[in-house]
Amino acid sequence: MLGLAMVLAWLVFLRPVWLGGPAGYAVVSGRSMQPTLHVGDLVLTHKQGAYAAGDVVVFRVPEGEPGAGGKVIHRIVGGSADEGFVVQGDNKNAPDIWHPTKHDIVGKMWFSVPRAGYILAFLHGPLQLAGLASGFAVFLVLTGGEDEKQLRKGSPGKRPDGTREG
């Protein structure tokens, strides 16, 4: 029952946008949002109907601008959805050169998990993924064999020590 509730919660709240869900994920890679966010923090976002000054958003740098397609996590300090928002890092003295529109915004920061991005980066390494997969396979093999042993021990005509009666 708890497992079903967890799956439903994931489907409703945490399913990534690329799977048709409402959540976006980004890892902070610079110092422009300190003290609000730090390098290695994992930021979860949700798509909103509207955005306003004060919202921390993740946006893709608009086409034709330096860094086009890259993701940036900054705060909206002005502008509009149609003309483009004025965005700025909390640790910056001036607004960004980019003016993302509502279309460019991945989502508004819902919450962040300090340093979780480091864990994700570590797990994305090929050796770590292979190790996790191997460990899971070994676990399945070791735990799967117990059922077979129990069946053999309890089968008719055999003693608990495995010898046949009779």
Protein backbone atom coordinates (compact mmCIF):
# COMPACT_ATOMS: atom_id res chain seq x y z
CA MET A 1 0.00 0.00 0.00
CA LEU A 2 2.82 2.39 0.90
CA GLY A 3 4.57 1.52 -2.37
CA LEU A 4 1.47 2.42 -4.36
CA ALA A 5 1.17 5.74 -2.53
CA MET A 6 4.82 6.51 -3.29
CA VAL A 7 4.38 5.70 -6.99
CA LEU A 8 1.27 7.88 -7.19
CA ALA A 9 3.07 10.75 -5.44
CA TRP A 10 5.95 10.44 -7.92
CA LEU A 11 3.55 10.40 -10.87
CA VAL A 12 1.70 13.50 -9.67
CA PHE A 13 4.53 15.63 -8.23
CA LEU A 14 7.99 14.42 -9.28
CA ARG A 15 7.62 12.90 -12.77
CA PRO A 16 9.98 14.77 -15.12
CA VAL A 17 8.64 16.99 -17.89
CA TRP A 18 10.18 14.69 -20.52
CA LEU A 19 7.87 11.91 -19.20
CA GLY A 20 4.82 14.20 -19.32
CA GLY A 21 5.10 15.27 -15.69
CA PRO A 22 5.27 18.67 -14.01
CA ALA A 23 8.81 18.53 -12.58
CA GLY A 24 12.08 19.84 -13.93
CA TYR A 25 15.49 19.13 -12.44
CA ALA A 26 18.70 21.17 -12.53
CA VAL A 27 22.01 21.05 -10.71
CA VAL A 28 23.58 24.35 -9.64
CA SER A 29 27.00 24.72 -11.25
CA GLY A 30 27.99 28.29 -10.42
CA ARG A 31 28.06 30.79 -7.59
CA SER A 32 25.66 33.38 -9.02
CA MET A 33 22.74 32.37 -6.76
CA GLN A 34 24.60 32.36 -3.43
CA PRO A 35 23.53 32.54 -0.63
CA THR A 36 20.20 31.07 -1.83
CA LEU A 37 21.74 28.16 -3.76
CA HIS A 38 25.22 26.66 -3.82
CA VAL A 39 27.30 24.63 -6.27
CA GLY A 40 26.06 21.02 -6.29
CA ASP A 41 22.52 21.75 -5.06
CA LEU A 42 19.73 19.90 -6.88
CA VAL A 43 16.81 22.18 -7.78
CA LEU A 44 13.34 20.79 -8.49
CA THR A 45 11.04 23.03 -10.48
CA HIS A 46 7.38 23.06 -11.42
CA LYS A 47 5.92 24.64 -14.54
CA GLN A 48 3.61 27.55 -13.65
CA GLY A 49 0.85 29.34 -15.51
CA ALA A 50 2.49 32.69 -14.75
CA TYR A 51 5.76 33.96 -13.34
CA ALA A 52 6.48 37.15 -11.40
CA ALA A 53 9.30 39.22 -9.95
CA GLY A 54 10.92 37.38 -7.04
CA ASP A 55 10.45 33.89 -8.52
CA VAL A 56 13.61 31.77 -8.84
CA VAL A 57 13.32 30.06 -12.21
CA VAL A 58 15.26 27.67 -14.40
CA PHE A 59 15.28 28.79 -18.03
CA ARG A 60 16.91 27.78 -21.27
CA VAL A 61 19.02 30.51 -22.86
CA PRO A 62 17.00 31.69 -25.89
CA GLU A 63 18.07 30.83 -29.45
CA GLY A 64 20.51 33.21 -31.08
CA GLU A 65 22.01 34.38 -27.77
CA PRO A 66 25.38 33.45 -26.24
CA GLY A 67 25.05 30.08 -24.49
CA ALA A 68 21.85 29.23 -26.40
CA GLY A 69 20.14 26.09 -25.07
CA GLY A 70 22.02 26.05 -21.75
CA LYS A 71 20.05 26.07 -18.48
CA VAL A 72 20.36 28.97 -16.02
CA ILE A 73 18.93 29.28 -12.51
CA HIS A 74 18.25 32.95 -11.65
CA ARG A 75 15.63 35.19 -10.06
CA ILE A 76 13.11 37.25 -12.04
CA VAL A 77 13.63 40.92 -11.17
CA GLY A 78 11.37 42.53 -13.78
CA GLY A 79 10.02 42.37 -17.33
CA SER A 80 7.09 40.35 -18.62
CA ALA A 81 6.27 36.96 -20.11
CA ASP A 82 5.67 38.45 -23.57
CA GLU A 83 8.54 40.96 -23.80
CA GLY A 84 10.96 38.80 -21.83
CA PHE A 85 11.78 38.68 -18.15
CA VAL A 86 14.70 40.52 -16.61
CA VAL A 87 16.65 37.92 -14.62
CA GLN A 88 19.58 38.19 -12.27
CA GLY A 89 21.58 35.98 -9.95
CA ASP A 90 21.28 36.80 -6.24
CA ASN A 91 25.09 37.17 -6.10
CA LYS A 92 25.28 39.48 -9.16
CA ASN A 93 25.34 43.29 -9.32
CA ALA A 94 23.60 43.57 -12.70
CA PRO A 95 20.85 41.79 -14.64
CA ASP A 96 21.66 39.07 -17.17
CA ILE A 97 22.00 39.75 -20.87
CA TRP A 98 19.25 37.19 -21.49
CA HIS A 99 15.54 38.00 -21.44
CA PRO A 100 13.72 34.65 -21.38
CA THR A 101 10.02 34.53 -22.18
CA LYS A 102 7.50 32.21 -20.56
CA HIS A 103 8.27 29.72 -23.34
CA ASP A 104 11.97 29.57 -22.31
CA ILE A 105 11.26 28.90 -18.63
CA VAL A 106 11.53 25.26 -17.52
CA GLY A 107 9.82 26.02 -14.19
CA LYS A 108 9.78 27.88 -10.89
CA MET A 109 11.95 26.52 -8.07
CA TRP A 110 9.78 24.28 -5.90
CA PHE A 111 12.55 23.20 -3.54
CA SER A 112 16.25 22.39 -3.51
CA VAL A 113 18.24 19.54 -2.02
CA PRO A 114 21.68 20.70 -0.83
CA ARG A 115 24.61 18.83 -2.43
CA ALA A 116 22.35 16.20 -4.05
CA GLY A 117 23.73 17.17 -7.45
CA TYR A 118 27.14 15.80 -6.42
CA ILE A 119 25.56 12.41 -5.75
CA LEU A 120 23.80 12.42 -9.12
CA ALA A 121 26.99 13.43 -10.92
CA PHE A 122 28.87 10.61 -9.19
CA LEU A 123 26.20 8.04 -10.07
CA HIS A 124 26.23 9.07 -13.74
CA GLY A 125 29.77 7.71 -14.16
CA PRO A 126 29.95 4.50 -16.23
CA LEU A 127 31.80 2.52 -13.55
CA GLN A 128 29.29 3.53 -10.86
CA LEU A 129 26.31 2.60 -13.05
CA ALA A 130 27.94 -0.74 -13.90
CA GLY A 131 28.62 -1.35 -10.21
CA LEU A 132 25.02 -0.58 -9.25
CA ALA A 133 23.68 -2.86 -11.99
CA SER A 134 26.08 -5.66 -11.02
CA GLY A 135 25.21 -5.34 -7.35
CA PHE A 136 21.51 -5.50 -8.14
CA ALA A 137 22.02 -8.59 -10.34
CA VAL A 138 24.03 -10.34 -7.60
CA PHE A 139 21.32 -9.46 -5.07
CA LEU A 140 18.64 -11.00 -7.32
CA VAL A 141 20.67 -14.17 -7.85
CA LEU A 142 21.44 -14.60 -4.15
CA THR A 143 17.92 -13.97 -2.93
CA GLY A 144 16.23 -15.84 -5.79
CA GLY A 145 18.02 -19.09 -4.96
CA GLU A 146 16.55 -19.25 -1.44
CA ASP A 147 13.07 -20.06 -2.76
CA GLU A 148 14.41 -23.00 -4.75
CA LYS A 149 16.31 -24.37 -1.72
CA GLN A 150 13.17 -24.16 0.41
CA LEU A 151 11.19 -26.08 -2.20
CA ARG A 152 13.80 -28.85 -2.31
CA LYS A 153 13.92 -29.18 1.47
CA GLY A 154 10.17 -29.41 1.78
CA SER A 155 9.49 -31.75 -1.15
CA PRO A 156 7.92 -35.14 -0.34
CA GLY A 157 10.17 -38.18 -0.06
CA LYS A 158 13.21 -36.23 1.14
CA ARG A 159 14.61 -35.73 4.58
CA PRO A 160 15.70 -32.27 5.77
CA ASP A 161 19.33 -33.31 5.18
CA GLY A 162 18.53 -33.95 1.49
CA THR A 163 18.68 -37.80 1.55
CA ARG A 164 15.76 -39.86 0.31
CA GLU A 165 13.49 -41.74 2.67
CA GLY A 166 13.19 -45.35 2.43
